Structure formats: structure tokens, C-alpha cells
All heavy atoms as atom14 arrays in JSON, in Angstrom:
{
  "sequence": "VDFLDFRLIHFAVFNLADMFINVGMVCLLIAWFWNQ",
  "atom14_mask": [
    [1, 1, 1, 1, 1, 1, 1, 0, 0, 0, 0, 0, 0, 0],
    [1, 1, 1, 1, 1, 1, 1, 1, 0, 0, 0, 0, 0, 0],
    [1, 1, 1, 1, 1, 1, 1, 1, 1, 1, 1, 0, 0, 0],
    [1, 1, 1, 1, 1, 1, 1, 1, 0, 0, 0, 0, 0, 0],
    [1, 1, 1, 1, 1, 1, 1, 1, 0, 0, 0, 0, 0, 0],
    [1, 1, 1, 1, 1, 1, 1, 1, 1, 1, 1, 0, 0, 0],
    [1, 1, 1, 1, 1, 1, 1, 1, 1, 1, 1, 0, 0, 0],
    [1, 1, 1, 1, 1, 1, 1, 1, 0, 0, 0, 0, 0, 0],
    [1, 1, 1, 1, 1, 1, 1, 1, 0, 0, 0, 0, 0, 0],
    [1, 1, 1, 1, 1, 1, 1, 1, 1, 1, 0, 0, 0, 0],
    [1, 1, 1, 1, 1, 1, 1, 1, 1, 1, 1, 0, 0, 0],
    [1, 1, 1, 1, 1, 0, 0, 0, 0, 0, 0, 0, 0, 0],
    [1, 1, 1, 1, 1, 1, 1, 0, 0, 0, 0, 0, 0, 0],
    [1, 1, 1, 1, 1, 1, 1, 1, 1, 1, 1, 0, 0, 0],
    [1, 1, 1, 1, 1, 1, 1, 1, 0, 0, 0, 0, 0, 0],
    [1, 1, 1, 1, 1, 1, 1, 1, 0, 0, 0, 0, 0, 0],
    [1, 1, 1, 1, 1, 0, 0, 0, 0, 0, 0, 0, 0, 0],
    [1, 1, 1, 1, 1, 1, 1, 1, 0, 0, 0, 0, 0, 0],
    [1, 1, 1, 1, 1, 1, 1, 1, 0, 0, 0, 0, 0, 0],
    [1, 1, 1, 1, 1, 1, 1, 1, 1, 1, 1, 0, 0, 0],
    [1, 1, 1, 1, 1, 1, 1, 1, 0, 0, 0, 0, 0, 0],
    [1, 1, 1, 1, 1, 1, 1, 1, 0, 0, 0, 0, 0, 0],
    [1, 1, 1, 1, 1, 1, 1, 0, 0, 0, 0, 0, 0, 0],
    [1, 1, 1, 1, 0, 0, 0, 0, 0, 0, 0, 0, 0, 0],
    [1, 1, 1, 1, 1, 1, 1, 1, 0, 0, 0, 0, 0, 0],
    [1, 1, 1, 1, 1, 1, 1, 0, 0, 0, 0, 0, 0, 0],
    [1, 1, 1, 1, 1, 1, 0, 0, 0, 0, 0, 0, 0, 0],
    [1, 1, 1, 1, 1, 1, 1, 1, 0, 0, 0, 0, 0, 0],
    [1, 1, 1, 1, 1, 1, 1, 1, 0, 0, 0, 0, 0, 0],
    [1, 1, 1, 1, 1, 1, 1, 1, 0, 0, 0, 0, 0, 0],
    [1, 1, 1, 1, 1, 0, 0, 0, 0, 0, 0, 0, 0, 0],
    [1, 1, 1, 1, 1, 1, 1, 1, 1, 1, 1, 1, 1, 1],
    [1, 1, 1, 1, 1, 1, 1, 1, 1, 1, 1, 0, 0, 0],
    [1, 1, 1, 1, 1, 1, 1, 1, 1, 1, 1, 1, 1, 1],
    [1, 1, 1, 1, 1, 1, 1, 1, 0, 0, 0, 0, 0, 0],
    [1, 1, 1, 1, 1, 1, 1, 1, 1, 0, 0, 0, 0, 0]
  ],
  "atom14_positions": [
    [[11.59, -10.34, 10.15], [11.07, -10.69, 8.78], [9.56, -10.43, 8.79], [8.9, -10.83, 9.56], [11.34, -12.25, 8.53], [10.71, -12.63, 7.22], [12.82, -12.47, 8.56], [0.0, 0.0, 0.0], [0.0, 0.0, 0.0], [0.0, 0.0, 0.0], [0.0, 0.0, 0.0], [0.0, 0.0, 0.0], [0.0, 0.0, 0.0], [0.0, 0.0, 0.0]],
    [[9.26, -9.55, 7.86], [7.79, -9.25, 7.59], [7.5, -9.62, 6.11], [8.29, -9.74, 5.26], [7.62, -7.72, 7.63], [7.7, -7.24, 9.08], [7.36, -7.93, 9.97], [8.03, -6.06, 9.28], [0.0, 0.0, 0.0], [0.0, 0.0, 0.0], [0.0, 0.0, 0.0], [0.0, 0.0, 0.0], [0.0, 0.0, 0.0], [0.0, 0.0, 0.0]],
    [[6.2, -9.97, 5.86], [5.88, -10.45, 4.55], [4.42, -10.15, 4.17], [3.93, -10.29, 3.03], [6.26, -11.93, 4.34], [5.42, -12.82, 5.3], [4.33, -13.52, 4.97], [6.13, -13.12, 6.54], [3.72, -14.24, 5.96], [5.5, -13.97, 7.42], [4.35, -14.53, 7.12], [0.0, 0.0, 0.0], [0.0, 0.0, 0.0], [0.0, 0.0, 0.0]],
    [[3.47, -10.01, 5.19], [1.99, -9.77, 4.86], [1.84, -8.34, 4.35], [2.1, -7.39, 5.23], [1.15, -10.14, 6.12], [1.34, -11.52, 6.56], [0.58, -11.69, 7.88], [0.74, -12.53, 5.53], [0.0, 0.0, 0.0], [0.0, 0.0, 0.0], [0.0, 0.0, 0.0], [0.0, 0.0, 0.0], [0.0, 0.0, 0.0], [0.0, 0.0, 0.0]],
    [[1.46, -8.14, 3.23], [1.46, -6.81, 2.6], [0.04, -6.51, 2.01], [-0.43, -6.97, 0.93], [2.51, -6.86, 1.45], [2.6, -5.5, 0.83], [2.02, -4.53, 1.25], [3.35, -5.47, -0.21], [0.0, 0.0, 0.0], [0.0, 0.0, 0.0], [0.0, 0.0, 0.0], [0.0, 0.0, 0.0], [0.0, 0.0, 0.0], [0.0, 0.0, 0.0]],
    [[-0.76, -5.72, 2.86], [-2.1, -5.31, 2.39], [-2.05, -3.97, 1.7], [-1.96, -2.98, 2.39], [-2.98, -5.19, 3.7], [-3.52, -6.57, 4.23], [-2.84, -7.22, 5.15], [-4.59, -7.07, 3.52], [-3.29, -8.39, 5.62], [-5.05, -8.41, 3.93], [-4.35, -9.06, 4.99], [0.0, 0.0, 0.0], [0.0, 0.0, 0.0], [0.0, 0.0, 0.0]],
    [[-2.0, -4.02, 0.39], [-1.83, -2.84, -0.43], [-3.16, -2.07, -0.55], [-3.0, -0.84, -0.86], [-1.22, -3.19, -1.75], [0.21, -3.76, -1.57], [0.8, -4.06, -2.83], [2.23, -4.56, -2.6], [3.12, -4.72, -3.56], [2.79, -4.49, -4.81], [4.27, -5.05, -3.29], [0.0, 0.0, 0.0], [0.0, 0.0, 0.0], [0.0, 0.0, 0.0]],
    [[-4.27, -2.7, -0.42], [-5.54, -1.91, -0.65], [-5.58, -0.71, 0.29], [-6.06, 0.36, -0.14], [-6.65, -2.84, -0.45], [-8.0, -2.3, -0.71], [-8.21, -1.91, -2.14], [-9.12, -3.31, -0.32], [0.0, 0.0, 0.0], [0.0, 0.0, 0.0], [0.0, 0.0, 0.0], [0.0, 0.0, 0.0], [0.0, 0.0, 0.0], [0.0, 0.0, 0.0]],
    [[-5.13, -0.88, 1.52], [-5.26, 0.25, 2.53], [-3.84, 0.79, 2.85], [-3.63, 1.56, 3.78], [-5.86, -0.29, 3.83], [-5.08, -1.48, 4.41], [-7.28, -0.69, 3.6], [-5.57, -1.94, 5.77], [0.0, 0.0, 0.0], [0.0, 0.0, 0.0], [0.0, 0.0, 0.0], [0.0, 0.0, 0.0], [0.0, 0.0, 0.0], [0.0, 0.0, 0.0]],
    [[-2.83, 0.4, 1.99], [-1.41, 0.97, 2.19], [-0.95, 0.82, 3.58], [-0.41, 1.84, 4.23], [-1.38, 2.37, 1.75], [-1.86, 2.62, 0.28], [-1.05, 2.18, -0.75], [-2.95, 3.14, -0.21], [-1.66, 2.43, -1.87], [-2.77, 3.03, -1.6], [0.0, 0.0, 0.0], [0.0, 0.0, 0.0], [0.0, 0.0, 0.0], [0.0, 0.0, 0.0]],
    [[-1.14, -0.4, 4.14], [-0.75, -0.69, 5.51], [0.76, -1.1, 5.57], [1.27, -1.67, 4.58], [-1.63, -1.76, 6.11], [-1.57, -1.85, 7.58], [-2.25, -0.93, 8.38], [-1.04, -2.9, 8.24], [-2.15, -1.01, 9.76], [-0.9, -2.95, 9.55], [-1.58, -2.01, 10.39], [0.0, 0.0, 0.0], [0.0, 0.0, 0.0], [0.0, 0.0, 0.0]],
    [[1.38, -1.0, 6.65], [2.83, -1.37, 6.79], [2.8, -2.99, 6.63], [1.92, -3.75, 6.96], [3.36, -1.05, 8.13], [0.0, 0.0, 0.0], [0.0, 0.0, 0.0], [0.0, 0.0, 0.0], [0.0, 0.0, 0.0], [0.0, 0.0, 0.0], [0.0, 0.0, 0.0], [0.0, 0.0, 0.0], [0.0, 0.0, 0.0], [0.0, 0.0, 0.0]],
    [[3.93, -3.46, 6.02], [4.11, -4.91, 5.86], [4.35, -5.55, 7.25], [5.11, -4.93, 7.96], [5.24, -5.16, 4.88], [5.53, -6.72, 4.71], [5.01, -4.59, 3.61], [0.0, 0.0, 0.0], [0.0, 0.0, 0.0], [0.0, 0.0, 0.0], [0.0, 0.0, 0.0], [0.0, 0.0, 0.0], [0.0, 0.0, 0.0], [0.0, 0.0, 0.0]],
    [[3.77, -6.59, 7.57], [3.87, -7.24, 8.92], [4.07, -8.73, 8.82], [4.15, -9.28, 7.75], [2.74, -6.73, 9.82], [1.34, -7.21, 9.23], [0.74, -8.28, 9.83], [0.75, -6.43, 8.34], [-0.6, -8.59, 9.46], [-0.51, -6.78, 7.85], [-1.18, -7.89, 8.41], [0.0, 0.0, 0.0], [0.0, 0.0, 0.0], [0.0, 0.0, 0.0]],
    [[4.02, -9.42, 9.97], [4.13, -10.82, 9.97], [3.07, -11.5, 10.88], [2.36, -10.74, 11.5], [5.49, -11.19, 10.4], [5.94, -10.65, 11.71], [5.2, -10.71, 12.71], [7.21, -10.15, 11.81], [0.0, 0.0, 0.0], [0.0, 0.0, 0.0], [0.0, 0.0, 0.0], [0.0, 0.0, 0.0], [0.0, 0.0, 0.0], [0.0, 0.0, 0.0]],
    [[3.14, -12.81, 11.03], [2.11, -13.46, 11.84], [2.32, -13.11, 13.32], [1.28, -13.1, 14.07], [2.12, -14.94, 11.57], [1.62, -15.45, 10.3], [1.51, -16.99, 10.34], [0.19, -14.98, 10.08], [0.0, 0.0, 0.0], [0.0, 0.0, 0.0], [0.0, 0.0, 0.0], [0.0, 0.0, 0.0], [0.0, 0.0, 0.0], [0.0, 0.0, 0.0]],
    [[3.63, -12.89, 13.72], [3.82, -12.57, 15.18], [3.07, -11.2, 15.56], [2.39, -11.19, 16.56], [5.36, -12.41, 15.42], [0.0, 0.0, 0.0], [0.0, 0.0, 0.0], [0.0, 0.0, 0.0], [0.0, 0.0, 0.0], [0.0, 0.0, 0.0], [0.0, 0.0, 0.0], [0.0, 0.0, 0.0], [0.0, 0.0, 0.0], [0.0, 0.0, 0.0]],
    [[3.15, -10.31, 14.59], [2.41, -8.97, 14.77], [0.99, -9.21, 14.85], [0.29, -8.6, 15.69], [2.76, -8.01, 13.66], [4.27, -7.78, 13.5], [4.98, -7.76, 14.52], [4.64, -7.45, 12.47], [0.0, 0.0, 0.0], [0.0, 0.0, 0.0], [0.0, 0.0, 0.0], [0.0, 0.0, 0.0], [0.0, 0.0, 0.0], [0.0, 0.0, 0.0]],
    [[0.49, -9.97, 13.97], [-1.04, -10.43, 13.96], [-1.43, -11.04, 15.18], [-2.42, -10.7, 15.85], [-1.31, -11.28, 12.76], [-2.77, -11.53, 12.58], [-3.09, -12.75, 11.28], [-2.6, -14.18, 12.18], [0.0, 0.0, 0.0], [0.0, 0.0, 0.0], [0.0, 0.0, 0.0], [0.0, 0.0, 0.0], [0.0, 0.0, 0.0], [0.0, 0.0, 0.0]],
    [[-0.67, -11.99, 15.74], [-0.99, -12.68, 17.03], [-0.95, -11.77, 18.18], [-1.8, -11.89, 19.02], [-0.11, -13.88, 17.19], [-0.51, -15.09, 16.36], [0.45, -15.63, 15.41], [-1.68, -15.62, 16.38], [0.1, -16.72, 14.69], [-2.07, -16.75, 15.61], [-1.18, -17.28, 14.75], [0.0, 0.0, 0.0], [0.0, 0.0, 0.0], [0.0, 0.0, 0.0]],
    [[-0.01, -10.79, 18.22], [-0.03, -9.82, 19.28], [-1.29, -8.97, 19.31], [-1.89, -8.76, 20.34], [1.27, -8.99, 19.18], [2.53, -9.78, 19.55], [1.22, -7.71, 20.11], [3.88, -9.1, 19.2], [0.0, 0.0, 0.0], [0.0, 0.0, 0.0], [0.0, 0.0, 0.0], [0.0, 0.0, 0.0], [0.0, 0.0, 0.0], [0.0, 0.0, 0.0]],
    [[-1.66, -8.57, 18.12], [-3.0, -7.77, 18.02], [-4.15, -8.66, 18.35], [-5.1, -8.14, 19.02], [-3.08, -7.11, 16.7], [-2.09, -5.98, 16.51], [-2.35, -4.99, 17.12], [-1.08, -6.24, 15.7], [0.0, 0.0, 0.0], [0.0, 0.0, 0.0], [0.0, 0.0, 0.0], [0.0, 0.0, 0.0], [0.0, 0.0, 0.0], [0.0, 0.0, 0.0]],
    [[-4.21, -9.85, 17.98], [-5.37, -10.78, 18.3], [-5.32, -10.96, 19.77], [-6.32, -10.97, 20.4], [-5.22, -12.12, 17.48], [-6.19, -13.24, 18.01], [-5.48, -11.91, 16.07], [0.0, 0.0, 0.0], [0.0, 0.0, 0.0], [0.0, 0.0, 0.0], [0.0, 0.0, 0.0], [0.0, 0.0, 0.0], [0.0, 0.0, 0.0], [0.0, 0.0, 0.0]],
    [[-4.15, -11.12, 20.34], [-4.13, -11.27, 21.83], [-4.57, -10.13, 22.61], [-5.28, -10.23, 23.55], [0.0, 0.0, 0.0], [0.0, 0.0, 0.0], [0.0, 0.0, 0.0], [0.0, 0.0, 0.0], [0.0, 0.0, 0.0], [0.0, 0.0, 0.0], [0.0, 0.0, 0.0], [0.0, 0.0, 0.0], [0.0, 0.0, 0.0], [0.0, 0.0, 0.0]],
    [[-4.33, -8.91, 22.11], [-4.78, -7.76, 22.73], [-6.4, -7.67, 22.62], [-7.05, -7.26, 23.57], [-4.23, -6.53, 22.05], [-2.7, -6.47, 22.38], [-1.82, -5.25, 21.35], [-1.99, -3.85, 22.44], [0.0, 0.0, 0.0], [0.0, 0.0, 0.0], [0.0, 0.0, 0.0], [0.0, 0.0, 0.0], [0.0, 0.0, 0.0], [0.0, 0.0, 0.0]],
    [[-6.95, -8.04, 21.45], [-8.38, -8.08, 21.31], [-8.94, -9.05, 22.3], [-9.99, -8.81, 22.9], [-8.75, -8.42, 19.89], [-10.3, -8.77, 19.72], [-8.38, -7.29, 18.93], [0.0, 0.0, 0.0], [0.0, 0.0, 0.0], [0.0, 0.0, 0.0], [0.0, 0.0, 0.0], [0.0, 0.0, 0.0], [0.0, 0.0, 0.0], [0.0, 0.0, 0.0]],
    [[-8.38, -10.26, 22.42], [-8.84, -11.24, 23.44], [-8.79, -10.7, 24.9], [-9.81, -10.9, 25.62], [-7.96, -12.49, 23.36], [-8.16, -13.49, 21.91], [0.0, 0.0, 0.0], [0.0, 0.0, 0.0], [0.0, 0.0, 0.0], [0.0, 0.0, 0.0], [0.0, 0.0, 0.0], [0.0, 0.0, 0.0], [0.0, 0.0, 0.0], [0.0, 0.0, 0.0]],
    [[-7.81, -9.91, 25.24], [-7.66, -9.33, 26.54], [-8.75, -8.23, 26.69], [-9.37, -8.19, 27.77], [-6.32, -8.71, 26.77], [-5.17, -9.8, 26.95], [-3.85, -9.1, 27.22], [-5.54, -10.68, 28.15], [0.0, 0.0, 0.0], [0.0, 0.0, 0.0], [0.0, 0.0, 0.0], [0.0, 0.0, 0.0], [0.0, 0.0, 0.0], [0.0, 0.0, 0.0]],
    [[-9.09, -7.51, 25.62], [-10.14, -6.61, 25.73], [-11.57, -7.19, 25.94], [-12.36, -6.8, 26.82], [-10.24, -5.7, 24.51], [-9.16, -4.5, 24.41], [-9.15, -4.0, 23.02], [-9.36, -3.48, 25.51], [0.0, 0.0, 0.0], [0.0, 0.0, 0.0], [0.0, 0.0, 0.0], [0.0, 0.0, 0.0], [0.0, 0.0, 0.0], [0.0, 0.0, 0.0]],
    [[-11.74, -8.28, 25.22], [-12.96, -9.12, 25.42], [-13.05, -9.6, 26.84], [-14.1, -9.53, 27.5], [-13.04, -10.27, 24.39], [-13.29, -9.75, 22.98], [-14.11, -11.24, 24.79], [-12.99, -10.81, 21.81], [0.0, 0.0, 0.0], [0.0, 0.0, 0.0], [0.0, 0.0, 0.0], [0.0, 0.0, 0.0], [0.0, 0.0, 0.0], [0.0, 0.0, 0.0]],
    [[-11.91, -10.19, 27.3], [-11.88, -10.61, 28.77], [-12.21, -9.55, 29.68], [-12.95, -9.69, 30.75], [-10.56, -11.29, 29.04], [0.0, 0.0, 0.0], [0.0, 0.0, 0.0], [0.0, 0.0, 0.0], [0.0, 0.0, 0.0], [0.0, 0.0, 0.0], [0.0, 0.0, 0.0], [0.0, 0.0, 0.0], [0.0, 0.0, 0.0], [0.0, 0.0, 0.0]],
    [[-11.7, -8.39, 29.54], [-11.91, -7.23, 30.45], [-13.3, -6.77, 30.38], [-13.99, -6.62, 31.4], [-11.01, -6.03, 29.96], [-11.04, -5.01, 30.99], [-10.46, -4.88, 32.16], [-11.7, -3.69, 30.79], [-10.71, -3.68, 32.83], [-11.47, -2.94, 31.95], [-12.44, -3.17, 29.73], [-11.97, -1.71, 32.08], [-12.98, -1.89, 29.83], [-12.68, -1.17, 31.08]],
    [[-13.92, -6.68, 29.18], [-15.39, -6.24, 29.07], [-16.27, -7.32, 29.54], [-17.31, -7.03, 30.26], [-15.75, -5.87, 27.69], [-15.22, -4.53, 27.27], [-14.26, -4.36, 26.23], [-15.74, -3.36, 27.79], [-13.76, -3.1, 25.95], [-15.31, -2.12, 27.46], [-14.34, -2.0, 26.59], [0.0, 0.0, 0.0], [0.0, 0.0, 0.0], [0.0, 0.0, 0.0]],
    [[-15.84, -8.64, 29.36], [-16.69, -9.76, 29.79], [-16.81, -9.72, 31.35], [-17.76, -10.13, 31.83], [-16.12, -10.98, 29.19], [-17.05, -12.2, 29.46], [-17.04, -12.99, 30.51], [-17.98, -12.77, 28.53], [-17.95, -14.02, 30.33], [-18.56, -13.9, 29.1], [-18.41, -12.34, 27.32], [-19.45, -14.63, 28.48], [-19.3, -13.16, 26.58], [-19.84, -14.23, 27.28]],
    [[-15.67, -9.53, 31.92], [-15.62, -9.56, 33.41], [-15.95, -8.3, 34.13], [-15.84, -8.22, 35.39], [-14.14, -10.0, 33.82], [-13.89, -11.44, 33.4], [-14.73, -12.24, 33.39], [-12.61, -11.62, 33.04], [0.0, 0.0, 0.0], [0.0, 0.0, 0.0], [0.0, 0.0, 0.0], [0.0, 0.0, 0.0], [0.0, 0.0, 0.0], [0.0, 0.0, 0.0]],
    [[-16.41, -7.26, 33.44], [-16.83, -6.04, 34.1], [-18.23, -6.32, 34.83], [-19.01, -6.99, 34.35], [-17.12, -4.93, 33.08], [-15.83, -4.38, 32.42], [-15.0, -3.7, 33.53], [-15.51, -2.79, 34.22], [-13.76, -4.19, 33.6], [0.0, 0.0, 0.0], [0.0, 0.0, 0.0], [0.0, 0.0, 0.0], [0.0, 0.0, 0.0], [0.0, 0.0, 0.0]]
  ]
}
């Protein structure tokens, strides 16, 4: 089930799970750079 629809940039419709996966990846990148 997808429902978040950003039409201004014609992005694919997505959901909070997709958003959290991407936020998680950003957090891991921060951790990686922080621990360098």
C-alpha cells in the first residue's frame, strides 16, 4: 500500500515504510562518516 504522492517533482507514490528505510540509510551514512 502506497499513498504519499509528491506531484511537484513527479515522484513515485510511496509509504512511510519506504521513507523510514531511506531515513535509516541516511542515519547509517552519518554513522559511517562520523566514525571515520
